Structures are given as structure tokens and as C-alpha cells.
PDB file of all heavy atoms in Angstrom:
ATOM      1  N   PRO A   1      86.300 108.358 112.790  1.00  0.00           N
ATOM      2  CA  PRO A   1      85.371 107.384 113.533  1.00  0.00           C
ATOM      3  C   PRO A   1      85.101 106.074 112.888  1.00  0.00           C
ATOM      4  O   PRO A   1      84.766 105.116 113.557  1.00  0.00           O
ATOM      5  CB  PRO A   1      84.143 108.233 113.747  1.00  0.00           C
ATOM      6  CG  PRO A   1      84.635 109.523 113.627  1.00  0.00           C
ATOM      7  CD  PRO A   1      85.622 109.617 112.558  1.00  0.00           C
ATOM      8  N   ASP A   2      85.210 106.026 111.535  1.00  0.00           N
ATOM      9  CA  ASP A   2      84.825 104.765 110.857  1.00  0.00           C
ATOM     10  C   ASP A   2      85.871 104.246 110.020  1.00  0.00           C
ATOM     11  O   ASP A   2      85.783 103.100 109.461  1.00  0.00           O
ATOM     12  CB  ASP A   2      83.570 105.103 109.876  1.00  0.00           C
ATOM     13  CG  ASP A   2      82.381 105.818 110.641  1.00  0.00           C
ATOM     14  OD1 ASP A   2      81.983 105.130 111.600  1.00  0.00           O
ATOM     15  OD2 ASP A   2      82.114 106.967 110.250  1.00  0.00           O
ATOM     16  N   TYR A   3      86.978 104.961 109.815  1.00  0.00           N
ATOM     17  CA  TYR A   3      87.980 104.539 108.911  1.00  0.00           C
ATOM     18  C   TYR A   3      89.403 104.776 109.460  1.00  0.00           C
ATOM     19  O   TYR A   3      89.538 105.681 110.365  1.00  0.00           O
ATOM     20  CB  TYR A   3      87.939 105.262 107.495  1.00  0.00           C
ATOM     21  CG  TYR A   3      86.658 104.920 106.734  1.00  0.00           C
ATOM     22  CD1 TYR A   3      85.467 105.537 106.904  1.00  0.00           C
ATOM     23  CD2 TYR A   3      86.682 103.939 105.826  1.00  0.00           C
ATOM     24  CE1 TYR A   3      84.333 105.374 106.184  1.00  0.00           C
ATOM     25  CE2 TYR A   3      85.495 103.606 105.076  1.00  0.00           C
ATOM     26  CZ  TYR A   3      84.387 104.190 105.310  1.00  0.00           C
ATOM     27  OH  TYR A   3      83.288 103.901 104.510  1.00  0.00           O
ATOM     28  N   ARG A   4      90.405 104.080 108.974  1.00  0.00           N
ATOM     29  CA  ARG A   4      91.833 104.267 109.352  1.00  0.00           C
ATOM     30  C   ARG A   4      92.303 105.261 108.203  1.00  0.00           C
ATOM     31  O   ARG A   4      92.374 104.702 107.022  1.00  0.00           O
ATOM     32  CB  ARG A   4      92.517 103.018 109.420  1.00  0.00           C
ATOM     33  CG  ARG A   4      94.037 103.225 109.767  1.00  0.00           C
ATOM     34  CD  ARG A   4      94.770 101.915 109.661  1.00  0.00           C
ATOM     35  NE  ARG A   4      96.303 102.047 109.898  1.00  0.00           N
ATOM     36  CZ  ARG A   4      97.150 101.176 109.670  1.00  0.00           C
ATOM     37  NH1 ARG A   4      96.764  99.879 109.283  1.00  0.00           N
ATOM     38  NH2 ARG A   4      98.335 101.380 109.822  1.00  0.00           N
ATOM     39  N   VAL A   5      92.665 106.484 108.496  1.00  0.00           N
ATOM     40  CA  VAL A   5      93.032 107.402 107.537  1.00  0.00           C
ATOM     41  C   VAL A   5      94.600 107.515 107.603  1.00  0.00           C
ATOM     42  O   VAL A   5      95.153 108.038 108.639  1.00  0.00           O
ATOM     43  CB  VAL A   5      92.395 108.806 107.827  1.00  0.00           C
ATOM     44  CG1 VAL A   5      92.769 109.819 106.816  1.00  0.00           C
ATOM     45  CG2 VAL A   5      90.851 108.659 107.731  1.00  0.00           C
ATOM     46  N   VAL A   6      95.175 107.242 106.554  1.00  0.00           N
ATOM     47  CA  VAL A   6      96.681 107.252 106.465  1.00  0.00           C
ATOM     48  C   VAL A   6      97.160 108.232 105.406  1.00  0.00           C
ATOM     49  O   VAL A   6      96.733 108.260 104.206  1.00  0.00           O
ATOM     50  CB  VAL A   6      97.229 105.858 106.121  1.00  0.00           C
ATOM     51  CG1 VAL A   6      98.727 105.832 105.998  1.00  0.00           C
ATOM     52  CG2 VAL A   6      96.639 104.863 107.130  1.00  0.00           C
ATOM     53  N   ILE A   7      98.018 109.078 105.855  1.00  0.00           N
ATOM     54  CA  ILE A   7      98.633 110.145 104.853  1.00  0.00           C
ATOM     55  C   ILE A   7     100.071 110.206 104.945  1.00  0.00           C
ATOM     56  O   ILE A   7     100.678 110.660 105.875  1.00  0.00           O
ATOM     57  CB  ILE A   7      98.033 111.592 105.163  1.00  0.00           C
ATOM     58  CG1 ILE A   7      96.472 111.564 105.671  1.00  0.00           C
ATOM     59  CG2 ILE A   7      98.217 112.503 104.100  1.00  0.00           C
ATOM     60  CD1 ILE A   7      96.139 112.862 106.179  1.00  0.00           C
ATOM     61  N   PRO A   8     100.776 109.700 103.898  1.00  0.00           N
ATOM     62  CA  PRO A   8     102.279 109.901 103.865  1.00  0.00           C
ATOM     63  C   PRO A   8     102.655 111.286 103.464  1.00  0.00           C
ATOM     64  O   PRO A   8     102.020 111.932 102.635  1.00  0.00           O
ATOM     65  CB  PRO A   8     102.667 108.861 102.708  1.00  0.00           C
ATOM     66  CG  PRO A   8     101.576 108.808 101.920  1.00  0.00           C
ATOM     67  CD  PRO A   8     100.323 109.012 102.732  1.00  0.00           C
ATOM     68  N   LEU A   9     103.751 111.818 104.076  1.00  0.00           N
ATOM     69  CA  LEU A   9     104.236 113.058 103.623  1.00  0.00           C
ATOM     70  C   LEU A   9     105.177 112.756 102.415  1.00  0.00           C
ATOM     71  O   LEU A   9     106.241 112.080 102.571  1.00  0.00           O
ATOM     72  CB  LEU A   9     105.059 113.749 104.729  1.00  0.00           C
ATOM     73  CG  LEU A   9     105.720 115.052 104.410  1.00  0.00           C
ATOM     74  CD1 LEU A   9     104.658 116.170 104.012  1.00  0.00           C
ATOM     75  CD2 LEU A   9     106.620 115.662 105.585  1.00  0.00           C
ATOM     76  N   LEU A  10     104.766 113.094 101.285  1.00  0.00           N
ATOM     77  CA  LEU A  10     105.634 112.774 100.048  1.00  0.00           C
ATOM     78  C   LEU A  10     106.862 113.670 100.093  1.00  0.00           C
ATOM     79  O   LEU A  10     106.827 114.811 100.358  1.00  0.00           O
ATOM     80  CB  LEU A  10     104.777 113.047  98.877  1.00  0.00           C
ATOM     81  CG  LEU A  10     103.423 112.300  98.711  1.00  0.00           C
ATOM     82  CD1 LEU A  10     102.724 112.701  97.494  1.00  0.00           C
ATOM     83  CD2 LEU A  10     103.696 110.763  98.660  1.00  0.00           C
ATOM     84  N   PRO A  11     107.990 112.976  99.766  1.00  0.00           N
ATOM     85  CA  PRO A  11     109.343 113.673  99.798  1.00  0.00           C
ATOM     86  C   PRO A  11     109.519 114.651  98.551  1.00  0.00           C
ATOM     87  O   PRO A  11     110.705 114.557  98.041  1.00  0.00           O
ATOM     88  CB  PRO A  11     110.234 112.464  99.873  1.00  0.00           C
ATOM     89  CG  PRO A  11     109.634 111.515  98.964  1.00  0.00           C
ATOM     90  CD  PRO A  11     108.095 111.576  99.253  1.00  0.00           C
ATOM     91  N   ILE A  12     108.635 115.339  98.296  1.00  0.00           N
ATOM     92  CA  ILE A  12     108.685 116.229  97.065  1.00  0.00           C
ATOM     93  C   ILE A  12     109.958 117.148  97.046  1.00  0.00           C
ATOM     94  O   ILE A  12     110.617 117.284  96.064  1.00  0.00           O
ATOM     95  CB  ILE A  12     107.447 117.064  96.791  1.00  0.00           C
ATOM     96  CG1 ILE A  12     106.308 116.039  96.470  1.00  0.00           C
ATOM     97  CG2 ILE A  12     107.613 118.107  95.801  1.00  0.00           C
ATOM     98  CD1 ILE A  12     104.921 116.720  96.386  1.00  0.00           C
ATOM     99  N   TYR A  13     110.273 117.579  98.205  1.00  0.00           N
ATOM    100  CA  TYR A  13     111.338 118.691  98.228  1.00  0.00           C
ATOM    101  C   TYR A  13     112.775 118.131  98.581  1.00  0.00           C
ATOM    102  O   TYR A  13     113.800 118.935  98.413  1.00  0.00           O
ATOM    103  CB  TYR A  13     111.041 119.701  99.261  1.00  0.00           C
ATOM    104  CG  TYR A  13     109.651 120.264  99.021  1.00  0.00           C
ATOM    105  CD1 TYR A  13     108.754 120.427 100.103  1.00  0.00           C
ATOM    106  CD2 TYR A  13     109.185 120.749  97.892  1.00  0.00           C
ATOM    107  CE1 TYR A  13     107.524 121.097 100.024  1.00  0.00           C
ATOM    108  CE2 TYR A  13     107.910 121.251  97.699  1.00  0.00           C
ATOM    109  CZ  TYR A  13     107.036 121.445  98.739  1.00  0.00           C
ATOM    110  OH  TYR A  13     105.737 121.965  98.608  1.00  0.00           O
ATOM    111  N   ASP A  14     112.820 116.839  98.916  1.00  0.00           N
ATOM    112  CA  ASP A  14     114.086 116.387  99.321  1.00  0.00           C
ATOM    113  C   ASP A  14     114.466 114.944  98.804  1.00  0.00           C
ATOM    114  O   ASP A  14     115.505 114.466  99.266  1.00  0.00           O
ATOM    115  CB  ASP A  14     114.227 116.397 100.886  1.00  0.00           C
ATOM    116  CG  ASP A  14     113.014 115.656 101.639  1.00  0.00           C
ATOM    117  OD1 ASP A  14     112.342 114.862 100.947  1.00  0.00           O
ATOM    118  OD2 ASP A  14     112.921 115.840 102.758  1.00  0.00           O
ATOM    119  N   MET A  15     113.621 114.414  97.942  1.00  0.00           N
ATOM    120  CA  MET A  15     114.058 113.126  97.414  1.00  0.00           C
ATOM    121  C   MET A  15     115.241 113.333  96.411  1.00  0.00           C
ATOM    122  O   MET A  15     115.489 114.419  95.917  1.00  0.00           O
ATOM    123  CB  MET A  15     112.771 112.595  96.704  1.00  0.00           C
ATOM    124  CG  MET A  15     112.443 113.254  95.409  1.00  0.00           C
ATOM    125  SD  MET A  15     110.708 112.676  94.726  1.00  0.00           S
ATOM    126  CE  MET A  15     110.995 110.986  94.693  1.00  0.00           C
ATOM    127  N   PRO A  16     115.989 112.331  96.165  1.00  0.00           N
ATOM    128  CA  PRO A  16     117.051 112.369  95.234  1.00  0.00           C
ATOM    129  C   PRO A  16     116.691 112.953  93.915  1.00  0.00           C
ATOM    130  O   PRO A  16     115.639 112.588  93.430  1.00  0.00           O
ATOM    131  CB  PRO A  16     117.599 110.933  95.017  1.00  0.00           C
ATOM    132  CG  PRO A  16     117.203 110.269  96.372  1.00  0.00           C
ATOM    133  CD  PRO A  16     115.860 110.900  96.753  1.00  0.00           C
ATOM    134  N   LEU A  17     117.426 113.921  93.303  1.00  0.00           N
ATOM    135  CA  LEU A  17     116.893 114.511  92.148  1.00  0.00           C
ATOM    136  C   LEU A  17     116.717 113.542  90.963  1.00  0.00           C
ATOM    137  O   LEU A  17     115.820 113.789  90.214  1.00  0.00           O
ATOM    138  CB  LEU A  17     117.989 115.621  91.790  1.00  0.00           C
ATOM    139  CG  LEU A  17     117.550 116.606  90.649  1.00  0.00           C
ATOM    140  CD1 LEU A  17     116.260 117.317  90.929  1.00  0.00           C
ATOM    141  CD2 LEU A  17     118.730 117.610  90.388  1.00  0.00           C
ATOM    142  N   THR A  18     117.511 112.621  90.941  1.00  0.00           N
ATOM    143  CA  THR A  18     117.334 111.499  89.791  1.00  0.00           C
ATOM    144  C   THR A  18     116.026 110.776  89.973  1.00  0.00           C
ATOM    145  O   THR A  18     115.607 110.130  88.941  1.00  0.00           O
ATOM    146  CB  THR A  18     118.454 110.548  89.889  1.00  0.00           C
ATOM    147  OG1 THR A  18     118.626 109.905  91.158  1.00  0.00           O
ATOM    148  CG2 THR A  18     119.832 111.187  89.570  1.00  0.00           C
ATOM    149  N   GLN A  19     115.357 110.806  91.148  1.00  0.00           N
ATOM    150  CA  GLN A  19     114.119 110.148  91.384  1.00  0.00           C
ATOM    151  C   GLN A  19     112.921 111.020  91.402  1.00  0.00           C
ATOM    152  O   GLN A  19     111.828 110.585  91.666  1.00  0.00           O
ATOM    153  CB  GLN A  19     114.245 109.285  92.652  1.00  0.00           C
ATOM    154  CG  GLN A  19     115.270 108.262  92.617  1.00  0.00           C
ATOM    155  CD  GLN A  19     115.421 107.589  94.071  1.00  0.00           C
ATOM    156  OE1 GLN A  19     114.504 107.565  94.775  1.00  0.00           O
ATOM    157  NE2 GLN A  19     116.611 107.111  94.329  1.00  0.00           N
ATOM    158  N   ALA A  20     113.169 112.317  91.256  1.00  0.00           N
ATOM    159  CA  ALA A  20     112.171 113.331  91.402  1.00  0.00           C
ATOM    160  C   ALA A  20     111.173 113.289  90.073  1.00  0.00           C
ATOM    161  O   ALA A  20     111.480 114.032  89.178  1.00  0.00           O
ATOM    162  CB  ALA A  20     112.730 114.751  91.537  1.00  0.00           C
ATOM    163  N   SER A  21     110.263 112.486  90.188  1.00  0.00           N
ATOM    164  CA  SER A  21     109.302 112.274  89.031  1.00  0.00           C
ATOM    165  C   SER A  21     108.068 111.436  89.607  1.00  0.00           C
ATOM    166  O   SER A  21     108.065 111.075  90.718  1.00  0.00           O
ATOM    167  CB  SER A  21     109.983 111.331  87.978  1.00  0.00           C
ATOM    168  OG  SER A  21     110.324 110.057  88.566  1.00  0.00           O
ATOM    169  N   VAL A  22     107.110 111.407  88.750  1.00  0.00           N
ATOM    170  CA  VAL A  22     105.906 110.659  89.062  1.00  0.00           C
ATOM    171  C   VAL A  22     106.232 109.198  89.320  1.00  0.00           C
ATOM    172  O   VAL A  22     105.850 108.670  90.424  1.00  0.00           O
ATOM    173  CB  VAL A  22     104.810 110.654  87.989  1.00  0.00           C
ATOM    174  CG1 VAL A  22     103.628 109.816  88.164  1.00  0.00           C
ATOM    175  CG2 VAL A  22     104.184 112.177  87.856  1.00  0.00           C
ATOM    176  N   PRO A  23     107.043 108.469  88.567  1.00  0.00           N
ATOM    177  CA  PRO A  23     107.363 107.131  88.907  1.00  0.00           C
ATOM    178  C   PRO A  23     108.106 107.058  90.144  1.00  0.00           C
ATOM    179  O   PRO A  23     108.015 106.098  90.899  1.00  0.00           O
ATOM    180  CB  PRO A  23     108.196 106.681  87.618  1.00  0.00           C
ATOM    181  CG  PRO A  23     107.684 107.494  86.560  1.00  0.00           C
ATOM    182  CD  PRO A  23     107.473 108.875  87.107  1.00  0.00           C
ATOM    183  N   GLY A  24     109.049 107.973  90.507  1.00  0.00           N
ATOM    184  CA  GLY A  24     109.803 107.977  91.675  1.00  0.00           C
ATOM    185  C   GLY A  24     108.895 108.147  92.946  1.00  0.00           C
ATOM    186  O   GLY A  24     109.041 107.471  93.917  1.00  0.00           O
ATOM    187  N   LEU A  25     107.791 108.946  92.866  1.00  0.00           N
ATOM    188  CA  LEU A  25     106.905 109.082  93.937  1.00  0.00           C
ATOM    189  C   LEU A  25     106.005 107.975  94.094  1.00  0.00           C
ATOM    190  O   LEU A  25     105.589 107.550  95.194  1.00  0.00           O
ATOM    191  CB  LEU A  25     106.138 110.417  93.684  1.00  0.00           C
ATOM    192  CG  LEU A  25     106.902 111.726  94.009  1.00  0.00           C
ATOM    193  CD1 LEU A  25     106.107 112.911  93.425  1.00  0.00           C
ATOM    194  CD2 LEU A  25     107.221 111.927  95.415  1.00  0.00           C
ATOM    195  N   VAL A  26     105.664 107.308  92.995  1.00  0.00           N
ATOM    196  CA  VAL A  26     104.916 106.034  93.119  1.00  0.00           C
ATOM    197  C   VAL A  26     105.654 104.963  93.774  1.00  0.00           C
ATOM    198  O   VAL A  26     105.092 104.256  94.646  1.00  0.00           O
ATOM    199  CB  VAL A  26     104.473 105.569  91.633  1.00  0.00           C
ATOM    200  CG1 VAL A  26     103.787 104.279  91.720  1.00  0.00           C
ATOM    201  CG2 VAL A  26     103.431 106.547  91.043  1.00  0.00           C
ATOM    202  N   SER A  27     106.951 104.859  93.436  1.00  0.00           N
ATOM    203  CA  SER A  27     107.841 103.971  94.167  1.00  0.00           C
ATOM    204  C   SER A  27     107.850 104.175  95.614  1.00  0.00           C
ATOM    205  O   SER A  27     107.853 103.291  96.544  1.00  0.00           O
ATOM    206  CB  SER A  27     109.274 103.883  93.599  1.00  0.00           C
ATOM    207  OG  SER A  27     109.176 103.475  92.167  1.00  0.00           O
ATOM    208  N   TYR A  28     107.895 105.482  96.013  1.00  0.00           N
ATOM    209  CA  TYR A  28     107.968 105.919  97.373  1.00  0.00           C
ATOM    210  C   TYR A  28     106.649 105.372  98.095  1.00  0.00           C
ATOM    211  O   TYR A  28     106.704 104.866  99.214  1.00  0.00           O
ATOM    212  CB  TYR A  28     108.112 107.381  97.506  1.00  0.00           C
ATOM    213  CG  TYR A  28     108.171 107.987  98.909  1.00  0.00           C
ATOM    214  CD1 TYR A  28     109.301 108.017  99.621  1.00  0.00           C
ATOM    215  CD2 TYR A  28     106.910 108.272  99.542  1.00  0.00           C
ATOM    216  CE1 TYR A  28     109.403 108.505 100.934  1.00  0.00           C
ATOM    217  CE2 TYR A  28     107.145 108.848 100.885  1.00  0.00           C
ATOM    218  CZ  TYR A  28     108.304 108.930 101.555  1.00  0.00           C
ATOM    219  OH  TYR A  28     108.333 109.363 102.848  1.00  0.00           O
ATOM    220  N   VAL A  29     105.514 105.590  97.537  1.00  0.00           N
ATOM    221  CA  VAL A  29     104.259 105.237  98.002  1.00  0.00           C
ATOM    222  C   VAL A  29     104.202 103.631  98.185  1.00  0.00           C
ATOM    223  O   VAL A  29     103.731 103.147  99.245  1.00  0.00           O
ATOM    224  CB  VAL A  29     103.096 105.667  97.302  1.00  0.00           C
ATOM    225  CG1 VAL A  29     101.773 105.042  97.669  1.00  0.00           C
ATOM    226  CG2 VAL A  29     102.956 107.273  97.280  1.00  0.00           C
ATOM    227  N   GLU A  30     104.781 102.996  97.247  1.00  0.00           N
ATOM    228  CA  GLU A  30     104.762 101.501  97.358  1.00  0.00           C
ATOM    229  C   GLU A  30     105.560 101.008  98.537  1.00  0.00           C
ATOM    230  O   GLU A  30     105.270 100.117  99.278  1.00  0.00           O
ATOM    231  CB  GLU A  30     105.326 100.904  96.030  1.00  0.00           C
ATOM    232  CG  GLU A  30     104.363 101.150  94.856  1.00  0.00           C
ATOM    233  CD  GLU A  30     104.926 100.699  93.478  1.00  0.00           C
ATOM    234  OE1 GLU A  30     106.191 100.636  93.332  1.00  0.00           O
ATOM    235  OE2 GLU A  30     104.231 100.434  92.592  1.00  0.00           O
ATOM    236  N   GLY A  31     106.730 101.671  98.747  1.00  0.00           N
ATOM    237  CA  GLY A  31     107.601 101.306  99.929  1.00  0.00           C
ATOM    238  C   GLY A  31     106.977 101.713 101.180  1.00  0.00           C
ATOM    239  O   GLY A  31     107.039 100.921 102.106  1.00  0.00           O
ATOM    240  N   PHE A  32     106.147 102.751 101.188  1.00  0.00           N
ATOM    241  CA  PHE A  32     105.445 103.231 102.415  1.00  0.00           C
ATOM    242  C   PHE A  32     104.359 102.212 102.766  1.00  0.00           C
ATOM    243  O   PHE A  32     104.176 101.862 103.879  1.00  0.00           O
ATOM    244  CB  PHE A  32     104.845 104.655 102.170  1.00  0.00           C
ATOM    245  CG  PHE A  32     103.931 105.093 103.191  1.00  0.00           C
ATOM    246  CD1 PHE A  32     104.400 105.623 104.427  1.00  0.00           C
ATOM    247  CD2 PHE A  32     102.504 105.084 103.067  1.00  0.00           C
ATOM    248  CE1 PHE A  32     103.533 106.051 105.420  1.00  0.00           C
ATOM    249  CE2 PHE A  32     101.628 105.495 104.114  1.00  0.00           C
ATOM    250  CZ  PHE A  32     102.156 106.000 105.288  1.00  0.00           C
ATOM    251  N   VAL A  33     103.616 101.865 101.794  1.00  0.00           N
ATOM    252  CA  VAL A  33     102.527 100.761 101.995  1.00  0.00           C
ATOM    253  C   VAL A  33     103.142  99.509 102.503  1.00  0.00           C
ATOM    254  O   VAL A  33     102.593  98.932 103.515  1.00  0.00           O
ATOM    255  CB  VAL A  33     101.707 100.538 100.675  1.00  0.00           C
ATOM    256  CG1 VAL A  33     100.881  99.223 100.834  1.00  0.00           C
ATOM    257  CG2 VAL A  33     100.943 101.721 100.291  1.00  0.00           C
ATOM    258  N   LYS A  34     104.253  99.133 102.078  1.00  0.00           N
ATOM    259  CA  LYS A  34     104.949  97.923 102.517  1.00  0.00           C
ATOM    260  C   LYS A  34     105.427  98.092 103.929  1.00  0.00           C
ATOM    261  O   LYS A  34     105.320  97.185 104.861  1.00  0.00           O
ATOM    262  CB  LYS A  34     106.079  97.536 101.515  1.00  0.00           C
ATOM    263  CG  LYS A  34     106.801  96.204 101.908  1.00  0.00           C
ATOM    264  CD  LYS A  34     107.929  95.844 100.907  1.00  0.00           C
ATOM    265  CE  LYS A  34     108.602  94.636 101.283  1.00  0.00           C
ATOM    266  NZ  LYS A  34     109.651  94.293 100.411  1.00  0.00           N
ATOM    267  N   ALA A  35     106.059  99.276 104.174  1.00  0.00           N
ATOM    268  CA  ALA A  35     106.608  99.493 105.551  1.00  0.00           C
ATOM    269  C   ALA A  35     105.551  99.509 106.639  1.00  0.00           C
ATOM    270  O   ALA A  35     105.756  99.054 107.732  1.00  0.00           O
ATOM    271  CB  ALA A  35     107.408 100.839 105.502  1.00  0.00           C
ATOM    272  N   LEU A  36     104.403 100.101 106.327  1.00  0.00           N
ATOM    273  CA  LEU A  36     103.299 100.140 107.237  1.00  0.00           C
ATOM    274  C   LEU A  36     102.523  98.879 107.342  1.00  0.00           C
ATOM    275  O   LEU A  36     101.614  98.757 108.201  1.00  0.00           O
ATOM    276  CB  LEU A  36     102.379 101.362 107.127  1.00  0.00           C
ATOM    277  CG  LEU A  36     102.657 102.582 107.892  1.00  0.00           C
ATOM    278  CD1 LEU A  36     104.060 103.103 107.630  1.00  0.00           C
ATOM    279  CD2 LEU A  36     101.588 103.581 107.789  1.00  0.00           C
ATOM    280  N   GLU A  37     102.793  97.940 106.461  1.00  0.00           N
ATOM    281  CA  GLU A  37     102.033  96.690 106.404  1.00  0.00           C
ATOM    282  C   GLU A  37     100.534  96.915 106.333  1.00  0.00           C
ATOM    283  O   GLU A  37      99.743  96.429 107.064  1.00  0.00           O
ATOM    284  CB  GLU A  37     102.329  95.794 107.543  1.00  0.00           C
ATOM    285  CG  GLU A  37     103.912  95.411 107.484  1.00  0.00           C
ATOM    286  CD  GLU A  37     104.031  94.440 108.738  1.00  0.00           C
ATOM    287  OE1 GLU A  37     103.363  94.333 109.644  1.00  0.00           O
ATOM    288  OE2 GLU A  37     105.230  93.839 108.699  1.00  0.00           O
ATOM    289  N   LEU A  38     100.199  97.863 105.404  1.00  0.00           N
ATOM    290  CA  LEU A  38      98.683  98.153 105.190  1.00  0.00           C
ATOM    291  C   LEU A  38      98.087  96.934 104.665  1.00  0.00           C
ATOM    292  O   LEU A  38      98.650  96.083 104.118  1.00  0.00           O
ATOM    293  CB  LEU A  38      98.561  99.335 104.193  1.00  0.00           C
ATOM    294  CG  LEU A  38      99.161 100.705 104.695  1.00  0.00           C
ATOM    295  CD1 LEU A  38      98.765 101.740 103.572  1.00  0.00           C
ATOM    296  CD2 LEU A  38      98.584 101.045 106.025  1.00  0.00           C
ATOM    297  N   PRO A  39      96.640  96.927 104.835  1.00  0.00           N
ATOM    298  CA  PRO A  39      95.879  95.763 104.500  1.00  0.00           C
ATOM    299  C   PRO A  39      96.086  95.530 103.002  1.00  0.00           C
ATOM    300  O   PRO A  39      96.571  96.351 102.170  1.00  0.00           O
ATOM    301  CB  PRO A  39      94.465  96.130 104.782  1.00  0.00           C
ATOM    302  CG  PRO A  39      94.552  97.138 105.902  1.00  0.00           C
ATOM    303  CD  PRO A  39      95.861  97.910 105.561  1.00  0.00           C
ATOM    304  N   SER A  40      95.661  94.350 102.478  1.00  0.00           N
ATOM    305  CA  SER A  40      95.795  93.917 101.135  1.00  0.00           C
ATOM    306  C   SER A  40      94.944  94.647 100.177  1.00  0.00           C
ATOM    307  O   SER A  40      95.169  94.685  98.975  1.00  0.00           O
ATOM    308  CB  SER A  40      95.473  92.374 101.065  1.00  0.00           C
ATOM    309  OG  SER A  40      94.164  92.049 101.453  1.00  0.00           O
TER     310      SER A  40
END
């Protein structure tokens, strides 16, 4: 009622194995924020 609540489904089970790491998931979130054009 008071906030915009946004929850990405993190690709923990199907992301490329070479990217399956904390830095890889952070990069995923950065891409998600950009794709949805979230506020600054």
C-alpha cells in the first residue's frame, strides 16, 4: 500500500556454472535493476 516491492528470482539453479558465485549474482542484480529502470 505504501511502497513498490520488487523481488527478482535469482538464477541460482540455472545460471552459467562459471558465473555461479556471489559476484555473479551481484552482476545479475545490477542487470535487473538496469532492465527495470528502477529509481536512482
